[in-house]
Amino acid sequence: MTETTRDRSSDPSRYEIRISGRLAPRWVAWFDGMTLTTAGDGTTVLAGPVADQAALHGVLARIRDLGLPLVSVTRLDADPPRSSSRPR
């Protein structure tokens, strides 16, 4: 593993998790460090840092435990995809 890879893996990633329905603001404490925003389309967006994959699965388990349908999970600081074409 390179030094750069190790450094990136220790930094928390930011995620945006969209769920169907409205989640009351009182639930924000259950999702440590994440913001809760209701969107005009009837969904709720949780956004914020997630320490690692285990923490992400914990957040998703909380959403499941509330019985809320998951719409999407987006990693906000993901590396951009590399082009598959090589320069000639």
C-alpha atoms as a PDB file:
ATOM      1  CA  MET A   1       0.000   0.000   0.000  1.00  0.00           C
ATOM      2  CA  THR A   2       1.391   3.409  -0.891  1.00  0.00           C
ATOM      3  CA  GLU A   3       1.645   6.311   1.529  1.00  0.00           C
ATOM      4  CA  THR A   4      -1.054   8.211  -0.385  1.00  0.00           C
ATOM      5  CA  THR A   5      -3.456   5.269  -0.176  1.00  0.00           C
ATOM      6  CA  ARG A   6      -2.904   4.912   3.566  1.00  0.00           C
ATOM      7  CA  ASP A   7      -3.470   8.645   4.126  1.00  0.00           C
ATOM      8  CA  ARG A   8      -6.733   8.646   2.182  1.00  0.00           C
ATOM      9  CA  SER A   9      -8.095   5.569   3.910  1.00  0.00           C
ATOM     10  CA  SER A  10      -7.724   7.171   7.360  1.00  0.00           C
ATOM     11  CA  ASP A  11      -9.671  10.318   6.399  1.00  0.00           C
ATOM     12  CA  PRO A  12     -13.446  10.208   6.849  1.00  0.00           C
ATOM     13  CA  SER A  13     -15.375  10.329   3.588  1.00  0.00           C
ATOM     14  CA  ARG A  14     -18.420  12.528   3.081  1.00  0.00           C
ATOM     15  CA  TYR A  15     -21.661  10.874   2.017  1.00  0.00           C
ATOM     16  CA  GLU A  16     -25.099  11.991   0.946  1.00  0.00           C
ATOM     17  CA  ILE A  17     -27.790   9.463   1.800  1.00  0.00           C
ATOM     18  CA  ARG A  18     -31.283  10.065   0.433  1.00  0.00           C
ATOM     19  CA  ILE A  19     -34.286   8.318   1.949  1.00  0.00           C
ATOM     20  CA  SER A  20     -37.929   8.296   0.936  1.00  0.00           C
ATOM     21  CA  GLY A  21     -40.186  10.206   3.290  1.00  0.00           C
ATOM     22  CA  ARG A  22     -39.647  12.883   5.868  1.00  0.00           C
ATOM     23  CA  LEU A  23     -37.496  12.294   8.909  1.00  0.00           C
ATOM     24  CA  ALA A  24     -38.222  14.576  11.870  1.00  0.00           C
ATOM     25  CA  PRO A  25     -35.339  16.829  12.977  1.00  0.00           C
ATOM     26  CA  ARG A  26     -35.281  15.105  16.380  1.00  0.00           C
ATOM     27  CA  TRP A  27     -33.588  12.112  14.696  1.00  0.00           C
ATOM     28  CA  VAL A  28     -30.450  14.090  13.738  1.00  0.00           C
ATOM     29  CA  ALA A  29     -28.766  13.122  17.042  1.00  0.00           C
ATOM     30  CA  TRP A  30     -29.051   9.454  16.015  1.00  0.00           C
ATOM     31  CA  PHE A  31     -26.874  10.136  12.942  1.00  0.00           C
ATOM     32  CA  ASP A  32     -23.664  11.446  14.539  1.00  0.00           C
ATOM     33  CA  GLY A  33     -22.206  14.450  12.740  1.00  0.00           C
ATOM     34  CA  MET A  34     -24.597  14.344   9.792  1.00  0.00           C
ATOM     35  CA  THR A  35     -26.990  17.061   8.714  1.00  0.00           C
ATOM     36  CA  LEU A  36     -30.619  16.293   7.954  1.00  0.00           C
ATOM     37  CA  THR A  37     -32.421  18.199   5.205  1.00  0.00           C
ATOM     38  CA  THR A  38     -35.916  17.668   3.867  1.00  0.00           C
ATOM     39  CA  ALA A  39     -36.203  18.105   0.110  1.00  0.00           C
ATOM     40  CA  GLY A  40     -39.195  19.375  -1.841  1.00  0.00           C
ATOM     41  CA  ASP A  41     -39.626  15.999  -3.549  1.00  0.00           C
ATOM     42  CA  GLY A  42     -40.672  14.263  -0.315  1.00  0.00           C
ATOM     43  CA  THR A  43     -37.258  12.828   0.491  1.00  0.00           C
ATOM     44  CA  THR A  44     -34.855  13.448   3.347  1.00  0.00           C
ATOM     45  CA  VAL A  45     -31.113  13.892   2.795  1.00  0.00           C
ATOM     46  CA  LEU A  46     -28.526  12.943   5.405  1.00  0.00           C
ATOM     47  CA  ALA A  47     -25.102  14.376   4.599  1.00  0.00           C
ATOM     48  CA  GLY A  48     -21.813  14.424   6.411  1.00  0.00           C
ATOM     49  CA  PRO A  49     -18.613  12.613   7.298  1.00  0.00           C
ATOM     50  CA  VAL A  50     -18.519   8.850   7.768  1.00  0.00           C
ATOM     51  CA  ALA A  51     -15.355   7.423   9.364  1.00  0.00           C
ATOM     52  CA  ASP A  52     -15.172   4.164   7.393  1.00  0.00           C
ATOM     53  CA  GLN A  53     -17.206   1.406   5.747  1.00  0.00           C
ATOM     54  CA  ALA A  54     -18.250  -0.048   9.115  1.00  0.00           C
ATOM     55  CA  ALA A  55     -19.641   3.345  10.152  1.00  0.00           C
ATOM     56  CA  LEU A  56     -21.465   3.657   6.814  1.00  0.00           C
ATOM     57  CA  HIS A  57     -23.105   0.274   7.362  1.00  0.00           C
ATOM     58  CA  GLY A  58     -24.098   1.455  10.850  1.00  0.00           C
ATOM     59  CA  VAL A  59     -25.846   4.518   9.398  1.00  0.00           C
ATOM     60  CA  LEU A  60     -27.602   2.345   6.822  1.00  0.00           C
ATOM     61  CA  ALA A  61     -28.698  -0.062   9.576  1.00  0.00           C
ATOM     62  CA  ARG A  62     -30.248   2.847  11.497  1.00  0.00           C
ATOM     63  CA  ILE A  63     -32.178   3.868   8.391  1.00  0.00           C
ATOM     64  CA  ARG A  64     -33.346   0.265   8.001  1.00  0.00           C
ATOM     65  CA  ASP A  65     -34.341   0.107  11.684  1.00  0.00           C
ATOM     66  CA  LEU A  66     -36.559   3.168  11.173  1.00  0.00           C
ATOM     67  CA  GLY A  67     -38.262   1.375   8.278  1.00  0.00           C
ATOM     68  CA  LEU A  68     -37.388   4.114   5.771  1.00  0.00           C
ATOM     69  CA  PRO A  69     -36.833   3.187   2.111  1.00  0.00           C
ATOM     70  CA  LEU A  70     -33.323   3.981   0.892  1.00  0.00           C
ATOM     71  CA  VAL A  71     -33.258   5.993  -2.351  1.00  0.00           C
ATOM     72  CA  SER A  72     -29.519   6.554  -2.883  1.00  0.00           C
ATOM     73  CA  VAL A  73     -26.076   6.623  -1.286  1.00  0.00           C
ATOM     74  CA  THR A  74     -23.499   8.938  -2.858  1.00  0.00           C
ATOM     75  CA  ARG A  75     -19.887   9.363  -1.805  1.00  0.00           C
ATOM     76  CA  LEU A  76     -19.289  13.084  -2.234  1.00  0.00           C
ATOM     77  CA  ASP A  77     -15.488  13.113  -2.238  1.00  0.00           C
ATOM     78  CA  ALA A  78     -14.879  10.093  -4.425  1.00  0.00           C
ATOM     79  CA  ASP A  79     -11.932  10.227  -6.790  1.00  0.00           C
ATOM     80  CA  PRO A  80     -13.032  11.137 -10.311  1.00  0.00           C
ATOM     81  CA  PRO A  81     -13.109   8.178 -12.694  1.00  0.00           C
ATOM     82  CA  ARG A  82      -9.980   7.708 -14.742  1.00  0.00           C
ATOM     83  CA  SER A  83     -10.204   7.803 -18.493  1.00  0.00           C
ATOM     84  CA  SER A  84      -9.710   4.415 -20.092  1.00  0.00           C
ATOM     85  CA  SER A  85      -8.164   5.891 -23.218  1.00  0.00           C
ATOM     86  CA  ARG A  86      -4.419   6.347 -23.385  1.00  0.00           C
ATOM     87  CA  PRO A  87      -2.735   9.281 -25.118  1.00  0.00           C
ATOM     88  CA  ARG A  88      -1.283   8.416 -28.491  1.00  0.00           C
END
